[in-house]
Amino acid sequence: MNPSMNPSVEASQDPLHRFDRSAAGMAVVDAGGNVVRANQALCDLLGHDREALIGSGWQELHDAADRAGAVETLLNLRTAGTAVHQACRRLRRGDDRTAELLITTVPMAQEHGGGRAILVHLEQPPEGDGRGPGGPLGVRAARDATLAALGQRVLDGLELDPLMGEAVRSVADSLGVGHVAVLELRPGALVLRLRAAVGWDGDRLAQLLLGGPALAKLQSPETVGRPIMLPDLLGRAAATTLAADGVQTGAVATIRWGGEPVGVLAAYATTTSELGRDDLAFLQAMADLLAAGIDCWRSRARERRQAGEQEREQERAELVAALHEGPVQNFAVLSLRLEQARLHLAQGRLDATERLLAQLQEGMADQIAGLRRLLRDLRPDELDLEPARAPGGSGGRPAGPRHGRGNGADGDPLAAEASADPHDSATIPHAPLRMNLGRAGA
């Protein structure tokens, strides 16, 4: 995001680490009301060491008169699922003084069954108008807290499909536009695919985005970190056509991964309300967060693949060891029994000799069968060490468009995270799109 575009929204080189790098104080409070994370800005704001904050009760940090309100807010967020709550409250500093702060709380479901936590955003309100909830500072704080909470959830393991769903809902709620969508974009295929949406009925808009001028602008370096209003992107004539369909205002932010546009975050409204600079900055910040989420998912997929390869190598090593040690030891035992059979035969003990020969025959058959099983297990195709190559394709991927889930490692991570909702298969036109996120050497 271009910080000069909107100084009220803090730029971050890594959208996932907004929590740690924000100038506003932030904390994560668990379901029991205890602080489990705190950024440096909060330590500076309250004059406490991080060690003193971690594990402390959130309500205990408040002035005695405001503790009941703090507890009520936590309970409402945990039980009623309130999206964002704001209030001005007094907190105790390390020097026993109190500081009146604008406190924004955002619920954040912890991943992998970790329960429900709350992200708290604290900022010193300036004197004058707009210092409390609902004012310019309150709106900015709510958006900053929303982005930080999503970034923390991605780092904790939030996958792409739920991330996209949370992103469109947050943009719709914050901008008040009512119509938001994440669209996969592959310019070479001239196809868009709807991946997540709120109130979306924008087939006409999606078709216009695939037009030559609009597509060229979306691919242009000028759109890096800068969303485009629909009239500027599509031209006045196309904007007039959309207005006839009820689209009064809207904007598009590109989602870039590896320096290339791989999708768009589009929002439009059917009312006459305009999108301001702060609104556009939040739209782009959310698009940047989605791009960072793609990169994080790719890293996790690569780690899973490497872990799988290491596990298979370990299995292979164990099989080789079994092939070398087990049969050798067993054959040594059989050799001893063979010598015993020869000794019995020389002594004229025919029945004992016959019993030993029967045992030898059975043991040899078992050993041969075991060797065949080990041989079969050691074959690369049996261990699936490499993906099968499809006829007419390369790199293990079939030629032409793919249907269903992708492999997520060498190809299309968004496609591999396809959701089961009705929008998952919606395409414009009716050909499936896979966002091509693979790069040479990735």
Foldseek 3Di string as FASTA:
>chain_A
DDCVLDVLADDDPFLLCCQQPPLWWKFKAALVQATQDTHVNNCVVQVHDRVVRGGDGNLVQFDPVCSVVVVVVSVCCQPVVDAKDWDWGWGAHPVRDIATWIKMKGKAQAPPPPGIMIMITTDRFDPDPQRGQPRPNNLSRSLSRLSNRLSPRLVRPDAQLVLQQSLQVVLCVSQVAQWKFKWFDDLVVLKIATFYIGNHDPLVVSNLCNDDQLVVVLFDPVLVLFKDKVCVRRPPVSQVVVVVVQFQTWIKHFQDEPSGGGIIIITTHSDNDYQDSVSRNSRNSSSPSSNSSLVSLQVVLVVVVVVLLVVLVVVLVVLVVCLPPVLVVLVVVLVVLVVVLVVCVVVVVVVVNVVSVVVSVVSVVVSVVVNVVSVQCNDCVNSVSAADADPPDPRNDDPDDDDAADPCHQFAVSSNVGDPDPSSCDMVVNDDDGRGNHDVPD
